[in-house]
Amino acid sequence: MIPFLDLNRLNSRYLPAFHRRLDALVRGGRLILGEAVEEFERRWADYSGYSFAVGTASGFSALQLVLEAWKLSGKVREGDEAVVPAHTYVATILPVVRAGLKPVAVEPEPDLNMHPEAVERVLTSRTRVIIPVHLYGRRAPMEALARLARRHGLLLLDDAAQAHGAIRKGDGIARAHATAWSFYPTKNLGALGDGGAVTTDDEELARLVAVLRHYGQEERYNSRYPGTNARLDALQAAFLSEKLPDLDRLNARRVAIARRYAEGIRHPLVRIPPFEGDGSHVYHQFVICSPRRDALRAYLADKGIATLIHYPVPPHRQQALQGILEGEFPVTERIAREILSLPADPLMSDEEVETVISAVNAF
């Protein structure tokens, strides 16, 4: 059996060092915020190339807290519009709704990411924010989106939940006003539970996010703003600090697996993404498309190869977004019918990779 992602195998190597950190945390008695969170925030800001990082409870809360902070500072207002991808996980869009903004979706380009031409077609006088997603680990066209945002006076908030390492210090790409991260266990940098962060070069935004995540309190027992409880747990921060030094190595293995898939998979009913080995794609997922996706998935399962679908139900078909996410999205619906994620576990053996390739080609 080839699992999709073996988290036990992936995380077990970090447990001895984490247990030492855990023992120090318990003995120190500071399990909420404190030094462990501050350490990870410093390290994540430095790694990703932003001036500030604020740990949050999840990627969802990271997105929502940025939008709420911009509302407090008067940069956005209730009912303003935020442009979002039509093809993404629903967790990109629900925070927009929870923050009181209206999501406006745009169809993806052939590479599955948001493109500025599609964004520009839906801009209105109420548009305030653009939220690209670096989907599956592939960097969105940030330079072009940043130029568009500057030209129209818009805020740029990118969802980098799947792109740890594709956006990092020294990569030279245009930066968003804020970036939201998720450290859900299956991410390229995954915690042992939920976790997230906001990175930004805006000191005032970082301050507001930090206040809002902790009941809106600037000082204890005195809530200045209607905040929430959305802190990064100290235990998760400690584990993430332990894993971070290994991120680049594991990403390099993901890229190597993707290269071999791109070289080896040859089937008339399977479309594979063009391989990108320039650092702009960290292959959180390796996705293929096939008009016979369900039959292919069943065939691979019969061969002992686990796969997943990211994502089977498009956001505009979600009951929670009925009457909110308006429009018709035929490209997104076709993708939902055809897309399939192959195993891209960075600890896969070369033999397992070749087994997957052979099975897809034999379908």
Protein backbone atom coordinates (compact mmCIF):
# COMPACT_ATOMS: atom_id res chain seq x y z
CA MET A 1 0.00 0.00 0.00
CA ILE A 2 1.30 3.47 -0.91
CA PRO A 3 -0.33 6.00 1.45
CA PHE A 4 -1.15 9.51 0.30
CA LEU A 5 0.81 11.05 3.18
CA ASP A 6 2.20 9.12 6.14
CA LEU A 7 2.14 11.70 8.95
CA ASN A 8 3.34 9.22 11.55
CA ARG A 9 6.47 8.50 9.52
CA LEU A 10 6.94 12.18 8.70
CA ASN A 11 6.63 13.49 12.26
CA SER A 12 8.24 10.71 14.27
CA ARG A 13 11.78 11.95 13.62
CA TYR A 14 11.02 15.24 15.41
CA LEU A 15 9.44 13.75 18.52
CA PRO A 16 12.55 13.24 20.71
CA ALA A 17 13.59 16.90 20.36
CA PHE A 18 9.98 18.04 20.71
CA HIS A 19 9.60 16.06 23.93
CA ARG A 20 12.53 18.02 25.36
CA ARG A 21 10.84 21.27 24.34
CA LEU A 22 7.55 20.05 25.78
CA ASP A 23 9.18 19.22 29.10
CA ALA A 24 10.67 22.72 29.27
CA LEU A 25 7.29 24.28 28.44
CA VAL A 26 5.47 22.33 31.12
CA ARG A 27 8.12 23.09 33.71
CA GLY A 28 8.08 26.77 32.74
CA GLY A 29 4.31 26.93 33.10
CA ARG A 30 3.74 29.33 30.15
CA LEU A 31 1.50 27.32 27.79
CA ILE A 32 -0.39 30.23 26.17
CA LEU A 33 1.65 32.62 23.99
CA GLY A 34 5.02 33.23 25.67
CA GLU A 35 8.54 32.44 24.51
CA ALA A 36 7.73 29.40 22.36
CA VAL A 37 5.30 31.38 20.20
CA GLU A 38 7.59 34.40 20.07
CA GLU A 39 10.51 32.23 18.97
CA PHE A 40 8.55 30.69 16.13
CA GLU A 41 7.16 34.07 15.07
CA ARG A 42 10.71 35.46 14.79
CA ARG A 43 11.92 32.43 12.87
CA TRP A 44 8.93 32.37 10.51
CA ALA A 45 9.18 36.09 9.77
CA ASP A 46 12.86 35.67 8.93
CA TYR A 47 12.29 32.56 6.80
CA SER A 48 9.42 34.04 4.81
CA GLY A 49 11.10 37.43 4.43
CA TYR A 50 8.59 39.65 6.21
CA SER A 51 9.29 42.05 9.06
CA PHE A 52 6.59 40.64 11.35
CA ALA A 53 4.87 37.32 11.97
CA VAL A 54 1.89 36.82 14.28
CA GLY A 55 0.91 33.27 15.20
CA THR A 56 -2.79 32.42 14.92
CA ALA A 57 -5.00 29.46 15.69
CA SER A 58 -5.38 28.48 12.02
CA GLY A 59 -5.03 29.68 8.46
CA PHE A 60 -8.74 30.52 8.54
CA SER A 61 -8.25 32.83 11.52
CA ALA A 62 -5.18 34.38 9.87
CA LEU A 63 -7.27 35.47 6.89
CA GLN A 64 -10.17 36.68 9.01
CA LEU A 65 -8.00 38.59 11.48
CA VAL A 66 -6.27 40.55 8.71
CA LEU A 67 -9.62 41.57 7.24
CA GLU A 68 -10.96 42.50 10.68
CA ALA A 69 -7.83 44.54 11.38
CA TRP A 70 -8.24 46.42 8.10
CA LYS A 71 -11.84 47.17 9.06
CA LEU A 72 -10.70 48.60 12.39
CA SER A 73 -8.15 50.81 10.65
CA GLY A 74 -10.72 52.04 8.13
CA LYS A 75 -9.10 50.43 5.09
CA VAL A 76 -12.16 48.26 4.36
CA ARG A 77 -15.80 48.56 5.35
CA GLU A 78 -18.66 46.16 5.91
CA GLY A 79 -20.01 45.01 2.55
CA ASP A 80 -16.86 45.80 0.55
CA GLU A 81 -15.83 43.26 -2.07
CA ALA A 82 -12.88 40.89 -2.00
CA VAL A 83 -11.85 39.07 -5.19
CA VAL A 84 -11.21 35.36 -4.55
CA PRO A 85 -10.47 32.32 -6.73
CA ALA A 86 -13.45 30.25 -7.83
CA HIS A 87 -11.25 27.14 -7.59
CA THR A 88 -9.92 26.86 -4.06
CA TYR A 89 -10.77 25.27 -0.74
CA VAL A 90 -13.76 26.86 0.96
CA ALA A 91 -11.50 27.97 3.84
CA THR A 92 -10.21 30.78 1.61
CA ILE A 93 -13.68 32.24 1.17
CA LEU A 94 -15.52 31.68 4.46
CA PRO A 95 -13.23 34.10 6.39
CA VAL A 96 -14.23 36.82 3.91
CA VAL A 97 -17.88 36.18 4.74
CA ARG A 98 -17.21 36.02 8.49
CA ALA A 99 -15.43 39.38 8.29
CA GLY A 100 -18.51 40.97 6.69
CA LEU A 101 -17.13 41.35 3.16
CA LYS A 102 -18.61 40.06 -0.10
CA PRO A 103 -16.52 37.48 -1.99
CA VAL A 104 -16.40 37.87 -5.78
CA ALA A 105 -14.98 34.79 -7.51
CA VAL A 106 -12.93 34.56 -10.69
CA GLU A 107 -12.28 31.46 -12.80
CA PRO A 108 -8.74 30.04 -12.80
CA GLU A 109 -6.37 30.14 -15.75
CA PRO A 110 -5.01 26.85 -17.18
CA ASP A 111 -2.35 26.69 -14.43
CA LEU A 112 -5.22 26.71 -11.87
CA ASN A 113 -4.15 29.98 -10.23
CA MET A 114 -5.71 33.46 -10.18
CA HIS A 115 -4.56 35.81 -12.91
CA PRO A 116 -4.77 39.60 -13.05
CA GLU A 117 -6.76 39.74 -16.30
CA ALA A 118 -9.60 37.80 -14.68
CA VAL A 119 -9.42 39.98 -11.57
CA GLU A 120 -9.56 43.22 -13.52
CA ARG A 121 -12.77 42.12 -15.29
CA VAL A 122 -14.70 41.93 -11.99
CA LEU A 123 -13.44 45.08 -10.27
CA THR A 124 -16.11 47.53 -9.12
CA SER A 125 -16.22 50.68 -7.02
CA ARG A 126 -16.74 48.41 -3.98
CA THR A 127 -13.64 46.23 -4.53
CA ARG A 128 -11.10 46.67 -1.74
CA VAL A 129 -9.11 43.42 -1.49
CA ILE A 130 -7.59 40.80 -3.80
CA ILE A 131 -6.98 37.38 -2.25
CA PRO A 132 -4.88 35.11 -4.48
CA VAL A 133 -4.14 31.54 -3.40
CA HIS A 134 -0.83 29.84 -4.11
CA LEU A 135 -2.75 26.69 -4.92
CA TYR A 136 -1.13 23.27 -4.50
CA GLY A 137 2.17 25.02 -3.67
CA ARG A 138 2.47 26.94 -6.95
CA ARG A 139 3.16 30.62 -6.55
CA ALA A 140 0.49 32.91 -8.00
CA PRO A 141 1.64 35.70 -10.38
CA MET A 142 2.36 38.13 -7.56
CA GLU A 143 4.25 40.75 -9.54
CA ALA A 144 1.32 41.28 -11.92
CA LEU A 145 -1.25 41.14 -9.11
CA ALA A 146 0.75 43.64 -7.06
CA ARG A 147 0.89 46.04 -10.02
CA LEU A 148 -2.86 45.68 -10.47
CA ALA A 149 -3.46 46.31 -6.77
CA ARG A 150 -1.29 49.43 -6.80
CA ARG A 151 -2.97 50.77 -9.93
CA HIS A 152 -6.43 50.48 -8.40
CA GLY A 153 -5.50 51.27 -4.80
CA LEU A 154 -6.42 47.77 -3.56
CA LEU A 155 -5.14 45.65 -0.70
CA LEU A 156 -3.40 42.37 -1.49
CA LEU A 157 -3.79 39.47 0.96
CA ASP A 158 -2.41 36.18 -0.27
CA ASP A 159 -3.41 32.77 1.04
CA ALA A 160 -0.14 30.84 1.31
CA ALA A 161 -1.55 27.89 3.28
CA GLN A 162 -0.09 25.46 0.73
CA ALA A 163 3.04 27.36 -0.25
CA HIS A 164 5.58 27.13 2.58
CA GLY A 165 8.92 27.74 0.93
CA ALA A 166 7.55 29.04 -2.37
CA ILE A 167 7.37 32.47 -0.75
CA ARG A 168 10.42 33.03 1.33
CA LYS A 169 13.28 35.36 2.20
CA GLY A 170 15.33 36.46 -0.77
CA ASP A 171 13.07 35.13 -3.54
CA GLY A 172 12.66 38.63 -4.97
CA ILE A 173 8.93 38.42 -5.69
CA ALA A 174 6.44 41.17 -5.00
CA ARG A 175 5.05 41.03 -1.48
CA ALA A 176 1.43 41.23 -0.45
CA HIS A 177 0.32 43.69 2.21
CA ALA A 178 -0.21 40.57 4.33
CA THR A 179 0.17 36.81 3.89
CA ALA A 180 -1.93 34.19 5.67
CA TRP A 181 -0.41 30.78 6.47
CA SER A 182 -1.81 27.49 7.71
CA PHE A 183 0.18 24.88 9.62
CA TYR A 184 -2.49 22.18 9.45
CA PRO A 185 -0.75 18.81 9.90
CA THR A 186 -0.74 17.90 6.18
CA LYS A 187 0.90 21.16 5.03
CA ASN A 188 4.52 21.27 3.89
CA LEU A 189 5.27 22.68 7.34
CA GLY A 190 2.64 20.99 9.47
CA ALA A 191 1.94 21.14 13.19
CA LEU A 192 0.46 18.38 15.36
CA GLY A 193 -2.90 20.14 15.16
CA ASP A 194 -4.28 23.44 13.93
CA GLY A 195 -2.09 26.51 13.62
CA GLY A 196 -1.52 29.51 11.41
CA ALA A 197 0.22 32.85 11.08
CA VAL A 198 0.05 36.28 9.49
CA THR A 199 3.20 37.80 8.02
CA THR A 200 3.47 41.45 7.00
CA ASP A 201 5.79 44.43 6.77
CA ASP A 202 3.08 46.66 8.27
CA GLU A 203 3.86 47.09 11.96
CA GLU A 204 0.44 48.51 12.80
CA LEU A 205 -1.34 45.63 11.05
CA ALA A 206 0.80 43.12 12.96
CA ARG A 207 -0.07 44.87 16.22
CA LEU A 208 -3.81 44.82 15.49
CA VAL A 209 -3.78 41.16 14.50
CA ALA A 210 -1.91 40.29 17.71
CA VAL A 211 -4.48 42.21 19.76
CA LEU A 212 -7.50 40.78 17.94
CA ARG A 213 -6.31 37.18 18.34
CA HIS A 214 -6.33 37.67 22.14
CA TYR A 215 -9.82 38.98 22.91
CA GLY A 216 -8.95 42.42 21.55
CA GLN A 217 -6.85 43.08 24.66
CA GLU A 218 -3.91 45.47 24.63
CA GLU A 219 -3.56 44.86 28.34
CA ARG A 220 -4.87 42.00 30.42
CA TYR A 221 -8.61 42.07 31.23
CA ASN A 222 -9.12 45.21 29.15
CA SER A 223 -10.56 44.51 25.70
CA ARG A 224 -10.28 47.56 23.49
CA TYR A 225 -11.64 45.81 20.39
CA PRO A 226 -14.23 43.03 19.87
CA GLY A 227 -11.58 40.40 19.33
CA THR A 228 -11.61 36.63 19.51
CA ASN A 229 -9.56 33.72 20.82
CA ALA A 230 -7.35 32.77 17.89
CA ARG A 231 -3.87 32.31 19.34
CA LEU A 232 -1.24 29.92 18.09
CA ASP A 233 -0.81 27.29 20.79
CA ALA A 234 2.61 27.27 22.42
CA LEU A 235 2.93 23.51 22.01
CA GLN A 236 2.31 23.80 18.27
CA ALA A 237 4.77 26.67 17.99
CA ALA A 238 7.45 24.57 19.70
CA PHE A 239 6.86 21.68 17.30
CA LEU A 240 6.94 23.99 14.27
CA SER A 241 10.25 25.49 15.42
CA GLU A 242 11.65 21.97 15.59
CA LYS A 243 10.48 21.13 12.05
CA LEU A 244 11.32 24.41 10.30
CA PRO A 245 15.04 23.70 9.68
CA ASP A 246 14.00 20.61 7.67
CA LEU A 247 11.48 22.39 5.44
CA ASP A 248 13.78 23.16 2.52
CA ARG A 249 15.10 19.60 2.39
CA LEU A 250 11.59 18.12 2.39
CA ASN A 251 10.45 20.61 -0.24
CA ALA A 252 13.40 19.62 -2.43
CA ARG A 253 12.26 16.00 -2.21
CA ARG A 254 8.71 17.01 -3.18
CA VAL A 255 10.13 18.81 -6.22
CA ALA A 256 12.19 15.74 -7.15
CA ILE A 257 9.09 13.54 -6.96
CA ALA A 258 7.15 16.03 -9.12
CA ARG A 259 9.98 16.06 -11.67
CA ARG A 260 9.87 12.28 -11.97
CA TYR A 261 6.06 12.27 -12.27
CA ALA A 262 6.25 14.92 -15.01
CA GLU A 263 8.92 12.94 -16.87
CA GLY A 264 7.33 9.53 -16.48
CA ILE A 265 3.55 9.87 -16.71
CA ARG A 266 2.41 9.44 -20.30
CA HIS A 267 -1.25 8.62 -20.84
CA PRO A 268 -3.67 10.06 -23.41
CA LEU A 269 -6.40 10.50 -20.80
CA VAL A 270 -4.19 12.13 -18.17
CA ARG A 271 -3.09 15.78 -18.20
CA ILE A 272 -0.16 16.64 -15.96
CA PRO A 273 0.98 20.12 -14.92
CA PRO A 274 4.17 21.46 -16.52
CA PHE A 275 7.09 20.84 -14.20
CA GLU A 276 8.48 23.91 -12.44
CA GLY A 277 11.81 23.47 -10.72
CA ASP A 278 12.69 27.13 -10.27
CA GLY A 279 11.49 27.41 -6.66
CA SER A 280 8.08 28.84 -7.59
CA HIS A 281 6.33 25.52 -6.84
CA VAL A 282 6.83 23.42 -3.72
CA TYR A 283 4.31 20.73 -4.75
CA HIS A 284 2.11 20.60 -1.70
CA GLN A 285 0.03 18.51 -4.06
CA PHE A 286 0.82 16.96 -7.41
CA VAL A 287 -2.42 17.25 -9.31
CA ILE A 288 -3.42 15.63 -12.58
CA CYS A 289 -6.65 15.89 -14.55
CA SER A 290 -8.54 13.20 -16.39
CA PRO A 291 -12.02 13.01 -17.92
CA ARG A 292 -12.14 9.51 -16.40
CA ARG A 293 -10.96 10.65 -12.99
CA ASP A 294 -13.24 8.42 -10.91
CA ALA A 295 -12.34 5.30 -12.87
CA LEU A 296 -8.64 6.16 -12.62
CA ARG A 297 -8.92 6.71 -8.89
CA ALA A 298 -10.66 3.35 -8.42
CA TYR A 299 -8.00 1.66 -10.56
CA LEU A 300 -5.17 3.14 -8.49
CA ALA A 301 -6.92 2.18 -5.24
CA ASP A 302 -7.15 -1.39 -6.53
CA LYS A 303 -3.37 -1.25 -7.04
CA GLY A 304 -2.88 -0.07 -3.43
CA ILE A 305 -2.22 3.58 -4.28
CA ALA A 306 -4.06 6.20 -2.23
CA THR A 307 -5.20 9.42 -3.89
CA LEU A 308 -7.31 12.42 -2.89
CA ILE A 309 -9.47 14.99 -4.69
CA HIS A 310 -8.66 18.66 -4.09
CA TYR A 311 -11.50 19.62 -4.30
CA PRO A 312 -14.64 17.63 -5.21
CA VAL A 313 -17.25 20.35 -4.43
CA PRO A 314 -16.48 23.86 -5.74
CA PRO A 315 -17.10 26.78 -3.37
CA HIS A 316 -20.04 28.11 -5.40
CA ARG A 317 -21.77 24.73 -4.95
CA GLN A 318 -21.34 24.77 -1.18
CA GLN A 319 -24.60 25.26 0.68
CA ALA A 320 -22.94 27.75 3.02
CA LEU A 321 -22.21 30.09 0.09
CA GLN A 322 -25.54 29.92 -1.72
CA GLY A 323 -26.76 33.43 -2.43
CA ILE A 324 -23.33 34.80 -1.48
CA LEU A 325 -20.95 33.57 -4.18
CA GLU A 326 -22.66 34.60 -7.40
CA GLY A 327 -22.00 33.63 -11.01
CA GLU A 328 -21.42 30.62 -13.23
CA PHE A 329 -18.06 28.85 -13.16
CA PRO A 330 -17.85 26.12 -15.83
CA VAL A 331 -14.04 25.90 -15.73
CA THR A 332 -14.08 25.38 -11.99
CA GLU A 333 -16.78 22.74 -12.30
CA ARG A 334 -14.81 20.85 -14.95
CA ILE A 335 -11.72 20.93 -12.73
CA ALA A 336 -13.76 19.54 -9.81
CA ARG A 337 -14.88 16.65 -12.03
CA GLU A 338 -11.42 15.84 -13.37
CA ILE A 339 -8.77 16.70 -10.79
CA LEU A 340 -6.88 14.09 -8.81
CA SER A 341 -3.95 14.41 -6.40
CA LEU A 342 -1.26 11.73 -6.52
CA PRO A 343 0.88 10.84 -3.49
CA ALA A 344 3.63 13.43 -2.98
CA ASP A 345 4.86 12.36 0.45
CA PRO A 346 8.43 13.67 0.76
CA LEU A 347 9.43 10.38 2.40
CA MET A 348 8.23 8.27 -0.53
CA SER A 349 10.90 5.97 -1.90
CA ASP A 350 11.99 6.10 -5.53
CA GLU A 351 10.47 2.65 -5.94
CA GLU A 352 7.09 3.91 -4.70
CA VAL A 353 7.24 6.83 -7.12
CA GLU A 354 7.94 4.49 -10.02
CA THR A 355 5.06 2.25 -8.92
CA VAL A 356 2.67 5.20 -9.12
CA ILE A 357 3.96 6.20 -12.55
CA SER A 358 3.60 2.65 -13.89
CA ALA A 359 0.09 2.31 -12.51
CA VAL A 360 -1.11 5.59 -14.04
CA ASN A 361 0.38 4.69 -17.40
CA ALA A 362 -1.19 1.22 -17.30
CA PHE A 363 -4.70 2.58 -16.67
